[in-house]
Amino acid sequence: MRLTAQFWVQAYLTRLRLADIPAYVVAHGDDTAGAVLVKLSTLDGQAKVFERRFDLMSGQRRWDILSEGTEPDTDTVIARQRSYDPDLWVIEVEDRQGRHLLDEPGLSE
């Protein structure tokens, strides 16, 4: 059984808050089945956008970089993705050290 998108987002935001990493819901997608993009801003004009993909080799879900570069460039990629999928969630994480916690156990579910 899969978690709803809203449940996953709330759990992720809680983990970030507990680690003192600021994060915001930039776009609220479909509560049940919306996909999620995570934008990591390092507050120096650079950013990365992560998307969750299914790895056919391992049979597991994992977070891959969809885009990286300047914040305006990554924002353009996010806007394009949202034009294809209006149910898409977008979470923005702000951390100078580049922490996003997506590599922690339980966040690829």
Protein backbone atom coordinates (compact mmCIF):
# COMPACT_ATOMS: atom_id res chain seq x y z
CA MET A 1 0.00 0.00 0.00
CA ARG A 2 1.37 3.42 -0.98
CA LEU A 3 1.23 6.52 1.15
CA THR A 4 -0.88 9.41 -0.07
CA ALA A 5 1.08 12.34 -1.47
CA GLN A 6 -0.19 14.65 1.25
CA PHE A 7 0.88 12.25 4.02
CA TRP A 8 4.36 11.88 2.49
CA VAL A 9 4.75 15.65 2.11
CA GLN A 10 3.73 16.29 5.72
CA ALA A 11 6.14 13.61 6.98
CA TYR A 12 8.96 15.07 4.85
CA LEU A 13 8.32 18.61 6.09
CA THR A 14 8.35 17.33 9.67
CA ARG A 15 11.73 15.63 9.17
CA LEU A 16 13.14 18.81 7.66
CA ARG A 17 11.75 20.92 10.51
CA LEU A 18 13.31 18.57 13.09
CA ALA A 19 16.68 19.02 11.33
CA ASP A 20 16.21 22.84 11.32
CA ILE A 21 16.07 22.93 7.52
CA PRO A 22 13.54 25.46 6.18
CA ALA A 23 11.09 24.10 3.60
CA TYR A 24 7.88 25.31 2.01
CA VAL A 25 5.06 23.93 -0.10
CA VAL A 26 5.32 26.01 -3.26
CA ALA A 27 2.61 24.11 -5.16
CA HIS A 28 -0.05 21.93 -3.53
CA GLY A 29 -0.75 18.99 -5.78
CA ASP A 30 -3.33 16.23 -5.62
CA ASP A 31 -3.68 15.03 -2.02
CA THR A 32 -3.91 11.37 -2.93
CA ALA A 33 -1.79 10.60 -5.95
CA GLY A 34 0.12 13.74 -6.90
CA ALA A 35 3.78 13.38 -7.81
CA VAL A 36 6.32 15.44 -5.84
CA LEU A 37 9.25 17.57 -6.96
CA VAL A 38 11.75 18.85 -4.40
CA LYS A 39 13.72 21.99 -5.20
CA LEU A 40 16.87 22.46 -3.12
CA SER A 41 18.08 26.05 -3.00
CA THR A 42 21.55 26.56 -1.56
CA LEU A 43 20.84 30.30 -1.23
CA ASP A 44 23.71 31.27 -3.53
CA GLY A 45 21.69 31.48 -6.74
CA GLN A 46 22.04 27.76 -7.45
CA ALA A 47 19.44 25.02 -7.10
CA LYS A 48 18.67 21.38 -7.85
CA VAL A 49 15.31 19.80 -8.59
CA PHE A 50 14.74 16.21 -7.52
CA GLU A 51 12.08 13.84 -8.79
CA ARG A 52 11.21 10.37 -7.59
CA ARG A 53 11.68 7.64 -10.17
CA PHE A 54 11.26 3.91 -10.23
CA ASP A 55 14.59 2.12 -10.72
CA LEU A 56 13.94 -0.88 -12.97
CA MET A 57 17.21 -2.57 -12.03
CA SER A 58 16.59 -2.61 -8.28
CA GLY A 59 12.80 -2.44 -8.30
CA GLN A 60 13.00 0.45 -5.84
CA ARG A 61 12.01 4.07 -5.96
CA ARG A 62 14.78 6.63 -5.74
CA TRP A 63 15.29 10.36 -5.98
CA ASP A 64 17.13 11.58 -9.08
CA ILE A 65 18.17 15.06 -10.15
CA LEU A 66 15.76 16.39 -12.76
CA SER A 67 17.58 19.70 -13.16
CA GLU A 68 20.40 21.70 -11.62
CA GLY A 69 21.80 25.15 -12.26
CA THR A 70 20.71 28.67 -11.55
CA GLU A 71 17.48 29.19 -9.64
CA PRO A 72 15.74 30.83 -12.61
CA ASP A 73 16.67 27.86 -14.82
CA THR A 74 15.37 25.33 -12.30
CA ASP A 75 12.21 27.39 -11.80
CA THR A 76 11.62 27.20 -15.56
CA VAL A 77 11.92 23.40 -15.44
CA ILE A 78 9.44 23.26 -12.54
CA ALA A 79 6.98 25.53 -14.39
CA ARG A 80 7.21 23.28 -17.46
CA GLN A 81 6.56 20.17 -15.34
CA ARG A 82 3.58 21.85 -13.68
CA SER A 83 2.13 22.73 -17.10
CA TYR A 84 2.15 18.99 -17.93
CA ASP A 85 0.93 17.88 -14.51
CA PRO A 86 -1.28 20.28 -12.53
CA ASP A 87 -1.51 17.67 -9.71
CA LEU A 88 2.23 18.02 -9.04
CA TRP A 89 3.46 19.01 -5.58
CA VAL A 90 6.52 21.28 -5.36
CA ILE A 91 8.48 21.52 -2.11
CA GLU A 92 11.25 24.11 -1.79
CA VAL A 93 14.05 23.36 0.65
CA GLU A 94 16.52 26.11 1.59
CA ASP A 95 19.86 25.00 2.98
CA ARG A 96 23.32 26.50 2.41
CA GLN A 97 24.90 23.11 3.14
CA GLY A 98 22.80 21.39 0.48
CA ARG A 99 20.94 19.09 2.89
CA HIS A 100 17.65 17.70 1.61
CA LEU A 101 17.31 14.42 3.57
CA LEU A 102 15.94 12.59 0.51
CA ASP A 103 18.65 9.98 0.91
CA GLU A 104 17.42 9.03 4.40
CA PRO A 105 15.56 5.74 4.96
CA GLY A 106 11.82 5.90 4.39
CA LEU A 107 11.73 8.92 2.09
CA SER A 108 11.76 6.99 -1.18
CA GLU A 109 8.47 5.22 -0.36
